[in-house]
Amino acid sequence: MDLRDQLKNLFPEHDEQDFEFPQEKFVQKEPLVCKFEKKGRNGKPVTLIEGFEGDGEELKNISKKIKTTLGIGGSEKDGIIVIQGDNRDKIMKILHEMGYKTKRVGG
């Protein structure tokens, strides 16, 4: 039984349209992990952002914000954002501005 059903049981004469339910905002429990990697990419450096717990649409929004802000390429797949080059510090700054906690991994 969700909140709407409980309210209908408590106040049967109350019109549901008069009451606005607050939008639930997703909260990331663990910090996003930013790490540098070259393996399996023909020696080309990339920055990986792992540990995102939200939906795919929000992951795409984060990836797009990073790519357009820095003017570089990248992709997102299976909960991991791949950004070209070693841009960990810049990416961590962007993520902090967006309200995400981050953790730097590697040298």
C-alpha atoms as a PDB file:
ATOM      1  CA  MET A   1       0.000   0.000   0.000  1.00  0.00           C
ATOM      2  CA  ASP A   2       1.604   3.266  -1.076  1.00  0.00           C
ATOM      3  CA  LEU A   3       1.187   6.744   0.368  1.00  0.00           C
ATOM      4  CA  ARG A   4      -1.714   7.641  -1.933  1.00  0.00           C
ATOM      5  CA  ASP A   5      -3.764   4.635  -0.821  1.00  0.00           C
ATOM      6  CA  GLN A   6      -3.090   5.374   2.836  1.00  0.00           C
ATOM      7  CA  LEU A   7      -4.259   8.970   2.395  1.00  0.00           C
ATOM      8  CA  LYS A   8      -7.431   7.821   0.618  1.00  0.00           C
ATOM      9  CA  ASN A   9      -8.208   5.513   3.552  1.00  0.00           C
ATOM     10  CA  LEU A  10      -7.643   8.270   6.092  1.00  0.00           C
ATOM     11  CA  PHE A  11      -9.447  11.024   4.156  1.00  0.00           C
ATOM     12  CA  PRO A  12     -12.012   9.453   1.760  1.00  0.00           C
ATOM     13  CA  GLU A  13     -13.727  12.792   1.005  1.00  0.00           C
ATOM     14  CA  HIS A  14     -10.439  14.533   0.185  1.00  0.00           C
ATOM     15  CA  ASP A  15      -9.807  15.221  -3.504  1.00  0.00           C
ATOM     16  CA  GLU A  16      -6.425  13.832  -4.575  1.00  0.00           C
ATOM     17  CA  GLN A  17      -5.795  16.719  -6.952  1.00  0.00           C
ATOM     18  CA  ASP A  18      -5.616  19.177  -4.034  1.00  0.00           C
ATOM     19  CA  PHE A  19      -2.559  17.442  -2.615  1.00  0.00           C
ATOM     20  CA  GLU A  20       0.830  17.466  -4.339  1.00  0.00           C
ATOM     21  CA  PHE A  21       3.226  14.663  -3.561  1.00  0.00           C
ATOM     22  CA  PRO A  22       6.875  15.677  -3.256  1.00  0.00           C
ATOM     23  CA  GLN A  23       9.182  14.396  -5.954  1.00  0.00           C
ATOM     24  CA  GLU A  24      11.585  11.829  -4.607  1.00  0.00           C
ATOM     25  CA  LYS A  25      15.157  12.792  -5.405  1.00  0.00           C
ATOM     26  CA  PHE A  26      17.640  10.007  -5.910  1.00  0.00           C
ATOM     27  CA  VAL A  27      20.535  10.062  -3.451  1.00  0.00           C
ATOM     28  CA  GLN A  28      23.818   8.333  -4.305  1.00  0.00           C
ATOM     29  CA  LYS A  29      24.886   6.194  -1.328  1.00  0.00           C
ATOM     30  CA  GLU A  30      28.496   5.462  -2.330  1.00  0.00           C
ATOM     31  CA  PRO A  31      30.912   7.925  -3.961  1.00  0.00           C
ATOM     32  CA  LEU A  32      31.560   7.721  -7.688  1.00  0.00           C
ATOM     33  CA  VAL A  33      34.984   6.238  -8.428  1.00  0.00           C
ATOM     34  CA  CYS A  34      37.181   8.090 -10.945  1.00  0.00           C
ATOM     35  CA  LYS A  35      40.102   6.042 -12.195  1.00  0.00           C
ATOM     36  CA  PHE A  36      42.634   6.148 -15.007  1.00  0.00           C
ATOM     37  CA  GLU A  37      43.158   3.179 -17.315  1.00  0.00           C
ATOM     38  CA  LYS A  38      45.118   2.248 -20.440  1.00  0.00           C
ATOM     39  CA  LYS A  39      44.655  -1.518 -20.564  1.00  0.00           C
ATOM     40  CA  GLY A  40      42.749  -2.998 -23.496  1.00  0.00           C
ATOM     41  CA  ARG A  41      42.493   0.301 -25.349  1.00  0.00           C
ATOM     42  CA  ASN A  42      45.634   0.134 -27.516  1.00  0.00           C
ATOM     43  CA  GLY A  43      47.545   2.261 -25.013  1.00  0.00           C
ATOM     44  CA  LYS A  44      45.096   5.169 -25.202  1.00  0.00           C
ATOM     45  CA  PRO A  45      44.312   6.706 -21.811  1.00  0.00           C
ATOM     46  CA  VAL A  46      40.720   6.926 -20.578  1.00  0.00           C
ATOM     47  CA  THR A  47      39.036   8.011 -17.364  1.00  0.00           C
ATOM     48  CA  LEU A  48      36.434   5.622 -15.974  1.00  0.00           C
ATOM     49  CA  ILE A  49      33.632   6.730 -13.681  1.00  0.00           C
ATOM     50  CA  GLU A  50      32.127   3.765 -11.864  1.00  0.00           C
ATOM     51  CA  GLY A  51      29.676   3.130  -9.063  1.00  0.00           C
ATOM     52  CA  PHE A  52      26.628   5.063 -10.294  1.00  0.00           C
ATOM     53  CA  GLU A  53      23.457   3.696  -8.660  1.00  0.00           C
ATOM     54  CA  GLY A  54      20.737   5.605 -10.538  1.00  0.00           C
ATOM     55  CA  ASP A  55      18.894   4.941 -13.791  1.00  0.00           C
ATOM     56  CA  GLY A  56      20.403   4.959 -17.283  1.00  0.00           C
ATOM     57  CA  GLU A  57      18.836   8.282 -18.214  1.00  0.00           C
ATOM     58  CA  GLU A  58      20.584  10.106 -15.362  1.00  0.00           C
ATOM     59  CA  LEU A  59      23.843   8.361 -16.284  1.00  0.00           C
ATOM     60  CA  LYS A  60      23.516   9.722 -19.826  1.00  0.00           C
ATOM     61  CA  ASN A  61      22.844  13.220 -18.469  1.00  0.00           C
ATOM     62  CA  ILE A  62      25.984  13.096 -16.328  1.00  0.00           C
ATOM     63  CA  SER A  63      28.052  11.814 -19.235  1.00  0.00           C
ATOM     64  CA  LYS A  64      26.706  14.484 -21.585  1.00  0.00           C
ATOM     65  CA  LYS A  65      27.409  17.262 -19.055  1.00  0.00           C
ATOM     66  CA  ILE A  66      31.023  16.105 -18.651  1.00  0.00           C
ATOM     67  CA  LYS A  67      31.625  15.673 -22.385  1.00  0.00           C
ATOM     68  CA  THR A  68      30.156  19.042 -23.378  1.00  0.00           C
ATOM     69  CA  THR A  69      31.883  20.923 -20.551  1.00  0.00           C
ATOM     70  CA  LEU A  70      35.307  19.485 -21.373  1.00  0.00           C
ATOM     71  CA  GLY A  71      34.762  19.235 -25.148  1.00  0.00           C
ATOM     72  CA  ILE A  72      35.962  15.631 -25.337  1.00  0.00           C
ATOM     73  CA  GLY A  73      34.504  12.302 -26.392  1.00  0.00           C
ATOM     74  CA  GLY A  74      33.308   9.381 -24.358  1.00  0.00           C
ATOM     75  CA  SER A  75      30.505   6.914 -23.811  1.00  0.00           C
ATOM     76  CA  GLU A  76      28.359   5.315 -21.121  1.00  0.00           C
ATOM     77  CA  LYS A  77      27.478   1.652 -20.850  1.00  0.00           C
ATOM     78  CA  ASP A  78      26.560  -0.794 -18.070  1.00  0.00           C
ATOM     79  CA  GLY A  79      26.735   1.875 -15.362  1.00  0.00           C
ATOM     80  CA  ILE A  80      30.246   3.026 -16.354  1.00  0.00           C
ATOM     81  CA  ILE A  81      31.120   6.323 -18.026  1.00  0.00           C
ATOM     82  CA  VAL A  82      34.241   6.253 -20.222  1.00  0.00           C
ATOM     83  CA  ILE A  83      35.833   9.638 -20.991  1.00  0.00           C
ATOM     84  CA  GLN A  84      38.806  10.020 -23.342  1.00  0.00           C
ATOM     85  CA  GLY A  85      42.077  11.125 -21.765  1.00  0.00           C
ATOM     86  CA  ASP A  86      43.259  11.518 -18.190  1.00  0.00           C
ATOM     87  CA  ASN A  87      40.880  14.205 -16.931  1.00  0.00           C
ATOM     88  CA  ARG A  88      40.179  12.931 -13.422  1.00  0.00           C
ATOM     89  CA  ASP A  89      40.635  16.246 -11.632  1.00  0.00           C
ATOM     90  CA  LYS A  90      38.409  18.177 -14.038  1.00  0.00           C
ATOM     91  CA  ILE A  91      35.750  15.455 -14.002  1.00  0.00           C
ATOM     92  CA  MET A  92      35.766  15.274 -10.201  1.00  0.00           C
ATOM     93  CA  LYS A  93      35.271  19.052 -10.044  1.00  0.00           C
ATOM     94  CA  ILE A  94      32.278  18.845 -12.433  1.00  0.00           C
ATOM     95  CA  LEU A  95      30.750  15.977 -10.432  1.00  0.00           C
ATOM     96  CA  HIS A  96      31.175  17.920  -7.166  1.00  0.00           C
ATOM     97  CA  GLU A  97      29.372  20.881  -8.743  1.00  0.00           C
ATOM     98  CA  MET A  98      26.552  18.515  -9.727  1.00  0.00           C
ATOM     99  CA  GLY A  99      26.304  17.341  -6.101  1.00  0.00           C
ATOM    100  CA  TYR A 100      27.985  13.922  -6.334  1.00  0.00           C
ATOM    101  CA  LYS A 101      30.657  12.622  -3.988  1.00  0.00           C
ATOM    102  CA  THR A 102      33.724  11.278  -5.758  1.00  0.00           C
ATOM    103  CA  LYS A 103      36.724   9.169  -4.906  1.00  0.00           C
ATOM    104  CA  ARG A 104      39.977   9.228  -6.860  1.00  0.00           C
ATOM    105  CA  VAL A 105      41.591   5.851  -7.511  1.00  0.00           C
ATOM    106  CA  GLY A 106      45.093   5.352  -8.875  1.00  0.00           C
ATOM    107  CA  GLY A 107      48.169   7.579  -9.183  1.00  0.00           C
END
